[in-house]
Amino acid sequence: MSPEVTAFFDDATNTISYVVRDPSGRACAVIDTVLDFDYASGRTDTASADAIIDHIRAENLEVQWLLESHVHADHLSAAPYIQQELGGKIGIGDNIRLVQDTFGKIFNEGTEFQRDGSQFDQLFQDGDSFHIGQLRGDVLHTPGHTPACLTYVIGDAAFVGDTLFMPDFGTARCDFPGGSSEMLYQSIQKILALPEETRIFVGHDYKAPGRDTYAWETTVAEQKRRNVHVGEGQSRDAFVRMRNTRDATLAMPKLIIPSLQVNMRAGRMPPADENGDVFLKVPIDKL
């Protein structure tokens, strides 16, 4: 089956969120949502999430899943907010536990922070399947960018998160804790082994040089032919050299510190203090 896919582009973080609908009914899933966050003031806003909610209500859809492709380091998830408004189960990869263990230590979260993935409703493993109405979704574990990255293959569409970008922009960085360019190359080969007509929906777009508009949909065939990092049968060794060299020049995402603390909790803020106030930590010389 071919799902109906509606994309929502967030200008502040260059993130694309997706509503994926079973064309034979009202069931849908929402993938990689965004909670607006102004770091300078510490203020949150739900405008981006509300646009998705408005669409779902206007189309009279039923949310069954709120899917995260990984623990994002460049935006905060709005999954709990949308769940509160519309329902649905929050799902992520089983390796979230590794991410929670790593960043639980970096942020000195203490023993009260559970590192077992229990903040999420569903932990997916490679090969798992799920349904959106009559649509079947299959889970590919595609680590490299992070240990917990997943690709959701839903009908003839694959939602790859940050693993692949548009062909003219390439692939994801691998220099975060737990990342690996070798693993990313292997994961990309799993994606490129899907049928060539499979639609690929990416998690971000930054407009590659020479392109004037944002884009987020491509195909397996186009990625195999044109991706500037892995296309035309690029070798593993050449990719690893390129990726490691490129990553050494990249700055940290500007929202990495708040994003990790929130997203490893399934999009929820850290517990409030005795006065009901919520604070985020800034670890010094840790990232």
C-alpha atoms as a PDB file:
ATOM      1  CA  MET A   1       0.000   0.000   0.000  1.00  0.00           C
ATOM      2  CA  SER A   2       1.030   3.585  -0.549  1.00  0.00           C
ATOM      3  CA  PRO A   3       0.460   5.826   2.485  1.00  0.00           C
ATOM      4  CA  GLU A   4      -0.669   9.411   2.155  1.00  0.00           C
ATOM      5  CA  VAL A   5       2.149  11.591   3.473  1.00  0.00           C
ATOM      6  CA  THR A   6       1.799  15.224   4.542  1.00  0.00           C
ATOM      7  CA  ALA A   7       5.006  17.079   5.416  1.00  0.00           C
ATOM      8  CA  PHE A   8       5.466  19.968   7.844  1.00  0.00           C
ATOM      9  CA  PHE A   9       8.707  21.950   7.532  1.00  0.00           C
ATOM     10  CA  ASP A  10      10.068  23.771  10.586  1.00  0.00           C
ATOM     11  CA  ASP A  11      12.139  26.770   9.500  1.00  0.00           C
ATOM     12  CA  ALA A  12      13.877  27.250  12.850  1.00  0.00           C
ATOM     13  CA  THR A  13      15.431  23.754  12.905  1.00  0.00           C
ATOM     14  CA  ASN A  14      15.174  22.645   9.250  1.00  0.00           C
ATOM     15  CA  THR A  15      13.198  19.640  10.483  1.00  0.00           C
ATOM     16  CA  ILE A  16      10.480  17.883   8.512  1.00  0.00           C
ATOM     17  CA  SER A  17       7.689  16.214  10.482  1.00  0.00           C
ATOM     18  CA  TYR A  18       5.282  13.848   8.765  1.00  0.00           C
ATOM     19  CA  VAL A  19       1.681  12.763   9.102  1.00  0.00           C
ATOM     20  CA  VAL A  20       1.409   9.303   7.535  1.00  0.00           C
ATOM     21  CA  ARG A  21      -2.146   8.182   6.779  1.00  0.00           C
ATOM     22  CA  ASP A  22      -3.704   4.868   5.879  1.00  0.00           C
ATOM     23  CA  PRO A  23      -5.471   5.770   2.592  1.00  0.00           C
ATOM     24  CA  SER A  24      -8.224   3.250   3.319  1.00  0.00           C
ATOM     25  CA  GLY A  25      -9.277   4.787   6.636  1.00  0.00           C
ATOM     26  CA  ARG A  26      -8.710   7.431   9.295  1.00  0.00           C
ATOM     27  CA  ALA A  27      -5.657   5.998  11.071  1.00  0.00           C
ATOM     28  CA  CYS A  28      -2.395   7.924  10.989  1.00  0.00           C
ATOM     29  CA  ALA A  29       1.046   8.193  12.548  1.00  0.00           C
ATOM     30  CA  VAL A  30       3.080  11.315  13.232  1.00  0.00           C
ATOM     31  CA  ILE A  31       6.848  11.147  12.773  1.00  0.00           C
ATOM     32  CA  ASP A  32       9.517  13.416  14.342  1.00  0.00           C
ATOM     33  CA  THR A  33       7.521  16.298  15.787  1.00  0.00           C
ATOM     34  CA  VAL A  34       8.947  19.661  16.904  1.00  0.00           C
ATOM     35  CA  LEU A  35       8.370  21.656  20.088  1.00  0.00           C
ATOM     36  CA  ASP A  36       9.394  25.258  19.439  1.00  0.00           C
ATOM     37  CA  PHE A  37      12.108  26.424  21.836  1.00  0.00           C
ATOM     38  CA  ASP A  38      13.855  29.769  22.180  1.00  0.00           C
ATOM     39  CA  TYR A  39      17.166  29.042  23.881  1.00  0.00           C
ATOM     40  CA  ALA A  40      17.916  32.665  24.750  1.00  0.00           C
ATOM     41  CA  SER A  41      14.745  33.069  26.804  1.00  0.00           C
ATOM     42  CA  GLY A  42      14.139  29.427  27.738  1.00  0.00           C
ATOM     43  CA  ARG A  43      10.577  29.689  26.407  1.00  0.00           C
ATOM     44  CA  THR A  44       8.673  26.951  24.626  1.00  0.00           C
ATOM     45  CA  ASP A  45       5.861  27.293  22.126  1.00  0.00           C
ATOM     46  CA  THR A  46       3.577  24.804  20.392  1.00  0.00           C
ATOM     47  CA  ALA A  47       2.944  26.583  17.075  1.00  0.00           C
ATOM     48  CA  SER A  48       4.669  23.893  14.986  1.00  0.00           C
ATOM     49  CA  ALA A  49       2.878  21.068  16.784  1.00  0.00           C
ATOM     50  CA  ASP A  50      -0.446  22.918  16.617  1.00  0.00           C
ATOM     51  CA  ALA A  51      -0.187  23.064  12.823  1.00  0.00           C
ATOM     52  CA  ILE A  52       0.003  19.263  12.803  1.00  0.00           C
ATOM     53  CA  ILE A  53      -2.863  18.966  15.284  1.00  0.00           C
ATOM     54  CA  ASP A  54      -5.017  21.321  13.210  1.00  0.00           C
ATOM     55  CA  HIS A  55      -4.378  19.233  10.091  1.00  0.00           C
ATOM     56  CA  ILE A  56      -5.242  15.983  11.857  1.00  0.00           C
ATOM     57  CA  ARG A  57      -8.451  17.427  13.263  1.00  0.00           C
ATOM     58  CA  ALA A  58      -9.434  18.984   9.940  1.00  0.00           C
ATOM     59  CA  GLU A  59      -8.987  15.613   8.220  1.00  0.00           C
ATOM     60  CA  ASN A  60     -10.772  13.789  11.077  1.00  0.00           C
ATOM     61  CA  LEU A  61      -7.821  11.427  11.548  1.00  0.00           C
ATOM     62  CA  GLU A  62      -7.048   9.101  14.432  1.00  0.00           C
ATOM     63  CA  VAL A  63      -3.476   9.154  15.738  1.00  0.00           C
ATOM     64  CA  GLN A  64      -2.207   5.669  16.514  1.00  0.00           C
ATOM     65  CA  TRP A  65       1.542   6.304  16.683  1.00  0.00           C
ATOM     66  CA  LEU A  66       3.940   9.121  17.502  1.00  0.00           C
ATOM     67  CA  LEU A  67       7.205   7.804  16.108  1.00  0.00           C
ATOM     68  CA  GLU A  68      10.704   9.101  16.802  1.00  0.00           C
ATOM     69  CA  SER A  69      13.460   8.150  14.364  1.00  0.00           C
ATOM     70  CA  HIS A  70      16.069   8.767  17.107  1.00  0.00           C
ATOM     71  CA  VAL A  71      16.937  11.038  20.033  1.00  0.00           C
ATOM     72  CA  HIS A  72      17.243  14.312  18.157  1.00  0.00           C
ATOM     73  CA  ALA A  73      20.079  16.694  19.024  1.00  0.00           C
ATOM     74  CA  ASP A  74      18.786  19.702  17.097  1.00  0.00           C
ATOM     75  CA  HIS A  75      15.172  20.103  18.186  1.00  0.00           C
ATOM     76  CA  LEU A  76      12.859  19.195  21.042  1.00  0.00           C
ATOM     77  CA  SER A  77      10.136  16.625  20.441  1.00  0.00           C
ATOM     78  CA  ALA A  78       6.481  17.618  20.798  1.00  0.00           C
ATOM     79  CA  ALA A  79       5.286  14.001  21.032  1.00  0.00           C
ATOM     80  CA  PRO A  80       3.916  14.267  24.609  1.00  0.00           C
ATOM     81  CA  TYR A  81       1.978  17.419  23.740  1.00  0.00           C
ATOM     82  CA  ILE A  82       0.382  15.850  20.663  1.00  0.00           C
ATOM     83  CA  GLN A  83      -0.299  12.676  22.635  1.00  0.00           C
ATOM     84  CA  GLN A  84      -2.097  14.753  25.273  1.00  0.00           C
ATOM     85  CA  GLU A  85      -4.235  16.388  22.592  1.00  0.00           C
ATOM     86  CA  LEU A  86      -4.862  13.468  20.241  1.00  0.00           C
ATOM     87  CA  GLY A  87      -3.628  10.211  21.775  1.00  0.00           C
ATOM     88  CA  GLY A  88      -1.318   7.657  20.197  1.00  0.00           C
ATOM     89  CA  LYS A  89       1.675   5.656  21.430  1.00  0.00           C
ATOM     90  CA  ILE A  90       5.188   7.133  21.486  1.00  0.00           C
ATOM     91  CA  GLY A  91       7.720   4.774  19.908  1.00  0.00           C
ATOM     92  CA  ILE A  92      11.507   4.779  19.449  1.00  0.00           C
ATOM     93  CA  GLY A  93      14.325   2.293  18.954  1.00  0.00           C
ATOM     94  CA  ASP A  94      15.248  -0.193  21.663  1.00  0.00           C
ATOM     95  CA  ASN A  95      18.778   1.238  21.803  1.00  0.00           C
ATOM     96  CA  ILE A  96      17.376   4.344  23.492  1.00  0.00           C
ATOM     97  CA  ARG A  97      18.716   2.656  26.621  1.00  0.00           C
ATOM     98  CA  LEU A  98      22.288   3.147  25.416  1.00  0.00           C
ATOM     99  CA  VAL A  99      21.575   6.801  24.682  1.00  0.00           C
ATOM    100  CA  GLN A 100      19.965   7.291  28.087  1.00  0.00           C
ATOM    101  CA  ASP A 101      22.912   5.673  29.823  1.00  0.00           C
ATOM    102  CA  THR A 102      25.437   7.840  27.965  1.00  0.00           C
ATOM    103  CA  PHE A 103      23.671  11.152  28.422  1.00  0.00           C
ATOM    104  CA  GLY A 104      22.336  10.333  31.850  1.00  0.00           C
ATOM    105  CA  LYS A 105      25.975  10.373  32.933  1.00  0.00           C
ATOM    106  CA  ILE A 106      26.900  13.480  30.934  1.00  0.00           C
ATOM    107  CA  PHE A 107      24.006  15.432  32.464  1.00  0.00           C
ATOM    108  CA  ASN A 108      24.525  13.897  35.922  1.00  0.00           C
ATOM    109  CA  GLU A 109      20.886  12.828  36.110  1.00  0.00           C
ATOM    110  CA  GLY A 110      21.287  10.580  39.147  1.00  0.00           C
ATOM    111  CA  THR A 111      19.527   7.338  39.941  1.00  0.00           C
ATOM    112  CA  GLU A 112      16.030   8.820  39.690  1.00  0.00           C
ATOM    113  CA  PHE A 113      16.423   9.034  35.899  1.00  0.00           C
ATOM    114  CA  GLN A 114      15.343   5.681  34.510  1.00  0.00           C
ATOM    115  CA  ARG A 115      17.647   4.355  31.793  1.00  0.00           C
ATOM    116  CA  ASP A 116      15.392   1.520  30.630  1.00  0.00           C
ATOM    117  CA  GLY A 117      13.355   3.318  27.970  1.00  0.00           C
ATOM    118  CA  SER A 118      10.249   3.233  30.164  1.00  0.00           C
ATOM    119  CA  GLN A 119       9.440   6.861  29.290  1.00  0.00           C
ATOM    120  CA  PHE A 120       8.315   5.587  25.874  1.00  0.00           C
ATOM    121  CA  ASP A 121       5.251   3.461  25.109  1.00  0.00           C
ATOM    122  CA  GLN A 122       6.997   1.200  22.597  1.00  0.00           C
ATOM    123  CA  LEU A 123      10.631   0.216  22.048  1.00  0.00           C
ATOM    124  CA  PHE A 124      11.216  -1.192  18.571  1.00  0.00           C
ATOM    125  CA  GLN A 125      13.867  -3.695  17.551  1.00  0.00           C
ATOM    126  CA  ASP A 126      15.172  -4.431  14.081  1.00  0.00           C
ATOM    127  CA  GLY A 127      12.614  -6.532  12.232  1.00  0.00           C
ATOM    128  CA  ASP A 128       9.629  -5.486  14.324  1.00  0.00           C
ATOM    129  CA  SER A 129       6.383  -4.532  12.613  1.00  0.00           C
ATOM    130  CA  PHE A 130       3.380  -2.413  13.540  1.00  0.00           C
ATOM    131  CA  HIS A 131       0.186  -1.205  11.891  1.00  0.00           C
ATOM    132  CA  ILE A 132      -1.390   2.142  11.079  1.00  0.00           C
ATOM    133  CA  GLY A 133      -4.911   1.000  10.343  1.00  0.00           C
ATOM    134  CA  GLN A 134      -4.454  -1.460   7.467  1.00  0.00           C
ATOM    135  CA  LEU A 135      -0.966  -0.142   6.679  1.00  0.00           C
ATOM    136  CA  ARG A 136       1.949  -2.289   7.801  1.00  0.00           C
ATOM    137  CA  GLY A 137       5.096  -0.641   9.068  1.00  0.00           C
ATOM    138  CA  ASP A 138       8.440  -2.430   9.324  1.00  0.00           C
ATOM    139  CA  VAL A 139      11.360  -1.350  11.479  1.00  0.00           C
ATOM    140  CA  LEU A 140      14.965  -1.188  10.313  1.00  0.00           C
ATOM    141  CA  HIS A 141      17.653  -0.500  12.906  1.00  0.00           C
ATOM    142  CA  THR A 142      19.926   1.979  11.107  1.00  0.00           C
ATOM    143  CA  PRO A 143      22.549   3.181  13.618  1.00  0.00           C
ATOM    144  CA  GLY A 144      25.553   5.358  12.872  1.00  0.00           C
ATOM    145  CA  HIS A 145      24.252   8.866  13.425  1.00  0.00           C
ATOM    146  CA  THR A 146      23.189   7.643  16.879  1.00  0.00           C
ATOM    147  CA  PRO A 147      22.970   4.108  18.330  1.00  0.00           C
ATOM    148  CA  ALA A 148      19.164   4.201  18.422  1.00  0.00           C
ATOM    149  CA  CYS A 149      18.367   5.405  14.897  1.00  0.00           C
ATOM    150  CA  LEU A 150      15.500   3.668  13.112  1.00  0.00           C
ATOM    151  CA  THR A 151      14.092   3.739   9.616  1.00  0.00           C
ATOM    152  CA  TYR A 152      10.334   3.182   9.440  1.00  0.00           C
ATOM    153  CA  VAL A 153       9.281   1.465   6.214  1.00  0.00           C
ATOM    154  CA  ILE A 154       5.549   2.040   5.845  1.00  0.00           C
ATOM    155  CA  GLY A 155       4.064   0.653   2.667  1.00  0.00           C
ATOM    156  CA  ASP A 156       6.134   2.035  -0.200  1.00  0.00           C
ATOM    157  CA  ALA A 157       7.621   4.843   1.925  1.00  0.00           C
ATOM    158  CA  ALA A 158      10.741   4.873   4.125  1.00  0.00           C
ATOM    159  CA  PHE A 159      11.215   7.514   6.815  1.00  0.00           C
ATOM    160  CA  VAL A 160      14.967   7.614   7.387  1.00  0.00           C
ATOM    161  CA  GLY A 161      15.356  10.344  10.022  1.00  0.00           C
ATOM    162  CA  ASP A 162      18.878  11.802   9.827  1.00  0.00           C
ATOM    163  CA  THR A 163      20.546   8.754   8.255  1.00  0.00           C
ATOM    164  CA  LEU A 164      20.238  10.077   4.699  1.00  0.00           C
ATOM    165  CA  PHE A 165      19.595  13.589   3.437  1.00  0.00           C
ATOM    166  CA  MET A 166      18.542  14.607  -0.057  1.00  0.00           C
ATOM    167  CA  PRO A 167      20.942  13.210  -2.686  1.00  0.00           C
ATOM    168  CA  ASP A 168      22.606  16.578  -3.279  1.00  0.00           C
ATOM    169  CA  PHE A 169      23.330  17.020   0.451  1.00  0.00           C
ATOM    170  CA  GLY A 170      24.502  13.540   1.413  1.00  0.00           C
ATOM    171  CA  THR A 171      24.429  11.847   4.808  1.00  0.00           C
ATOM    172  CA  ALA A 172      24.280  12.463   8.541  1.00  0.00           C
ATOM    173  CA  ARG A 173      27.165  13.287  10.865  1.00  0.00           C
ATOM    174  CA  CYS A 174      28.522  10.488  13.047  1.00  0.00           C
ATOM    175  CA  ASP A 175      30.536  12.321  15.725  1.00  0.00           C
ATOM    176  CA  PHE A 176      28.009  12.311  18.564  1.00  0.00           C
ATOM    177  CA  PRO A 177      28.636   9.874  21.460  1.00  0.00           C
ATOM    178  CA  GLY A 178      27.811   6.388  20.186  1.00  0.00           C
ATOM    179  CA  GLY A 179      27.980   7.435  16.536  1.00  0.00           C
ATOM    180  CA  SER A 180      30.011   5.562  13.935  1.00  0.00           C
ATOM    181  CA  SER A 181      30.702   6.250  10.262  1.00  0.00           C
ATOM    182  CA  GLU A 182      31.298   2.532   9.706  1.00  0.00           C
ATOM    183  CA  MET A 183      27.872   1.694  11.132  1.00  0.00           C
ATOM    184  CA  LEU A 184      26.251   4.498   9.154  1.00  0.00           C
ATOM    185  CA  TYR A 185      27.617   3.104   5.901  1.00  0.00           C
ATOM    186  CA  GLN A 186      26.226  -0.338   6.732  1.00  0.00           C
ATOM    187  CA  SER A 187      22.861   1.160   7.690  1.00  0.00           C
ATOM    188  CA  ILE A 188      22.638   3.105   4.443  1.00  0.00           C
ATOM    189  CA  GLN A 189      23.244  -0.106   2.496  1.00  0.00           C
ATOM    190  CA  LYS A 190      20.193  -1.612   4.246  1.00  0.00           C
ATOM    191  CA  ILE A 191      18.098   1.335   3.088  1.00  0.00           C
ATOM    192  CA  LEU A 192      19.483   1.200  -0.453  1.00  0.00           C
ATOM    193  CA  ALA A 193      18.593  -2.517  -0.605  1.00  0.00           C
ATOM    194  CA  LEU A 194      14.890  -1.609  -0.489  1.00  0.00           C
ATOM    195  CA  PRO A 195      13.011  -1.659  -3.818  1.00  0.00           C
ATOM    196  CA  GLU A 196      14.258   1.171  -6.017  1.00  0.00           C
ATOM    197  CA  GLU A 197      10.808   2.740  -6.291  1.00  0.00           C
ATOM    198  CA  THR A 198      10.559   3.123  -2.501  1.00  0.00           C
ATOM    199  CA  ARG A 199       9.906   6.733  -1.570  1.00  0.00           C
ATOM    200  CA  ILE A 200      12.423   8.115   0.917  1.00  0.00           C
ATOM    201  CA  PHE A 201      11.419  10.919   3.288  1.00  0.00           C
ATOM    202  CA  VAL A 202      14.313  12.659   5.053  1.00  0.00           C
ATOM    203  CA  GLY A 203      14.317  14.250   8.498  1.00  0.00           C
ATOM    204  CA  HIS A 204      16.062  17.519   7.596  1.00  0.00           C
ATOM    205  CA  ASP A 205      16.911  19.653   4.603  1.00  0.00           C
ATOM    206  CA  TYR A 206      19.328  22.571   4.360  1.00  0.00           C
ATOM    207  CA  LYS A 207      19.161  23.408   0.632  1.00  0.00           C
ATOM    208  CA  ALA A 208      22.343  22.160  -0.970  1.00  0.00           C
ATOM    209  CA  PRO A 209      24.410  24.698  -2.920  1.00  0.00           C
ATOM    210  CA  GLY A 210      22.671  25.578  -6.170  1.00  0.00           C
ATOM    211  CA  ARG A 211      19.206  24.545  -4.937  1.00  0.00           C
ATOM    212  CA  ASP A 212      16.737  27.341  -4.142  1.00  0.00           C
ATOM    213  CA  THR A 213      13.950  25.389  -2.484  1.00  0.00           C
ATOM    214  CA  TYR A 214      13.693  22.941   0.394  1.00  0.00           C
ATOM    215  CA  ALA A 215      13.026  19.308  -0.471  1.00  0.00           C
ATOM    216  CA  TRP A 216      12.396  16.140   1.516  1.00  0.00           C
ATOM    217  CA  GLU A 217      11.176  13.373  -0.791  1.00  0.00           C
ATOM    218  CA  THR A 218      13.352  11.226  -3.017  1.00  0.00           C
ATOM    219  CA  THR A 219      13.623   7.527  -3.922  1.00  0.00           C
ATOM    220  CA  VAL A 220      15.988   4.644  -3.321  1.00  0.00           C
ATOM    221  CA  ALA A 221      16.918   4.695  -7.017  1.00  0.00           C
ATOM    222  CA  GLU A 222      17.780   8.394  -6.895  1.00  0.00           C
ATOM    223  CA  GLN A 223      19.847   7.974  -3.734  1.00  0.00           C
ATOM    224  CA  LYS A 224      21.797   5.100  -5.286  1.00  0.00           C
ATOM    225  CA  ARG A 225      22.462   7.113  -8.407  1.00  0.00           C
ATOM    226  CA  ARG A 226      22.992  10.659  -7.128  1.00  0.00           C
ATOM    227  CA  ASN A 227      23.792  10.820  -3.402  1.00  0.00           C
ATOM    228  CA  VAL A 228      26.998  12.847  -3.172  1.00  0.00           C
ATOM    229  CA  HIS A 229      28.343  10.720  -0.284  1.00  0.00           C
ATOM    230  CA  VAL A 230      27.238   7.164  -1.079  1.00  0.00           C
ATOM    231  CA  GLY A 231      25.938   7.185  -4.648  1.00  0.00           C
ATOM    232  CA  GLU A 232      27.433   5.306  -7.594  1.00  0.00           C
ATOM    233  CA  GLY A 233      28.682   2.508  -5.365  1.00  0.00           C
ATOM    234  CA  GLN A 234      30.930   4.593  -3.113  1.00  0.00           C
ATOM    235  CA  SER A 235      33.207   2.268  -1.146  1.00  0.00           C
ATOM    236  CA  ARG A 236      33.002   1.860   2.601  1.00  0.00           C
ATOM    237  CA  ASP A 237      36.580   3.021   3.176  1.00  0.00           C
ATOM    238  CA  ALA A 238      36.158   6.147   1.050  1.00  0.00           C
ATOM    239  CA  PHE A 239      32.911   7.009   2.819  1.00  0.00           C
ATOM    240  CA  VAL A 240      34.430   6.563   6.283  1.00  0.00           C
ATOM    241  CA  ARG A 241      37.393   8.789   5.400  1.00  0.00           C
ATOM    242  CA  MET A 242      35.113  11.473   3.982  1.00  0.00           C
ATOM    243  CA  ARG A 243      32.626  11.335   6.864  1.00  0.00           C
ATOM    244  CA  ASN A 244      35.248  11.434   9.619  1.00  0.00           C
ATOM    245  CA  THR A 245      37.106  14.313   7.963  1.00  0.00           C
ATOM    246  CA  ARG A 246      33.924  16.299   7.430  1.00  0.00           C
ATOM    247  CA  ASP A 247      32.604  15.677  10.941  1.00  0.00           C
ATOM    248  CA  ALA A 248      35.804  17.057  12.478  1.00  0.00           C
ATOM    249  CA  THR A 249      34.903  20.475  11.031  1.00  0.00           C
ATOM    250  CA  LEU A 250      31.287  20.634  12.244  1.00  0.00           C
ATOM    251  CA  ALA A 251      30.075  22.697  15.205  1.00  0.00           C
ATOM    252  CA  MET A 252      27.655  21.255  17.743  1.00  0.00           C
ATOM    253  CA  PRO A 253      23.951  21.877  16.968  1.00  0.00           C
ATOM    254  CA  LYS A 254      22.811  24.990  18.801  1.00  0.00           C
ATOM    255  CA  LEU A 255      19.990  23.137  20.605  1.00  0.00           C
ATOM    256  CA  ILE A 256      21.907  19.970  21.467  1.00  0.00           C
ATOM    257  CA  ILE A 257      21.975  20.601  25.243  1.00  0.00           C
ATOM    258  CA  PRO A 258      18.233  21.145  25.765  1.00  0.00           C
ATOM    259  CA  SER A 259      17.268  18.654  23.054  1.00  0.00           C
ATOM    260  CA  LEU A 260      19.110  15.692  24.539  1.00  0.00           C
ATOM    261  CA  GLN A 261      17.807  16.279  28.051  1.00  0.00           C
ATOM    262  CA  VAL A 262      14.215  16.473  26.825  1.00  0.00           C
ATOM    263  CA  ASN A 263      14.241  13.896  24.047  1.00  0.00           C
ATOM    264  CA  MET A 264      15.844  11.124  26.078  1.00  0.00           C
ATOM    265  CA  ARG A 265      12.754  11.545  28.299  1.00  0.00           C
ATOM    266  CA  ALA A 266      10.411  11.003  25.320  1.00  0.00           C
ATOM    267  CA  GLY A 267       9.952  14.750  24.874  1.00  0.00           C
ATOM    268  CA  ARG A 268       9.224  15.539  28.509  1.00  0.00           C
ATOM    269  CA  MET A 269      11.005  18.157  30.574  1.00  0.00           C
ATOM    270  CA  PRO A 270      13.170  17.174  33.574  1.00  0.00           C
ATOM    271  CA  PRO A 271      11.263  16.933  36.862  1.00  0.00           C
ATOM    272  CA  ALA A 272      10.291  20.227  38.465  1.00  0.00           C
ATOM    273  CA  ASP A 273      11.929  21.312  41.715  1.00  0.00           C
ATOM    274  CA  GLU A 274      10.106  21.823  45.010  1.00  0.00           C
ATOM    275  CA  ASN A 275       8.803  25.178  43.750  1.00  0.00           C
ATOM    276  CA  GLY A 276       7.398  23.693  40.556  1.00  0.00           C
ATOM    277  CA  ASP A 277      10.126  25.224  38.377  1.00  0.00           C
ATOM    278  CA  VAL A 278      11.893  23.301  35.607  1.00  0.00           C
ATOM    279  CA  PHE A 279      15.582  23.711  34.816  1.00  0.00           C
ATOM    280  CA  LEU A 280      17.951  22.362  32.185  1.00  0.00           C
ATOM    281  CA  LYS A 281      21.622  21.694  32.856  1.00  0.00           C
ATOM    282  CA  VAL A 282      24.642  22.884  30.860  1.00  0.00           C
ATOM    283  CA  PRO A 283      27.509  20.411  31.271  1.00  0.00           C
ATOM    284  CA  ILE A 284      30.890  22.114  30.958  1.00  0.00           C
ATOM    285  CA  ASP A 285      33.515  20.564  28.650  1.00  0.00           C
ATOM    286  CA  LYS A 286      31.496  17.352  28.247  1.00  0.00           C
ATOM    287  CA  LEU A 287      30.349  17.543  24.617  1.00  0.00           C
END
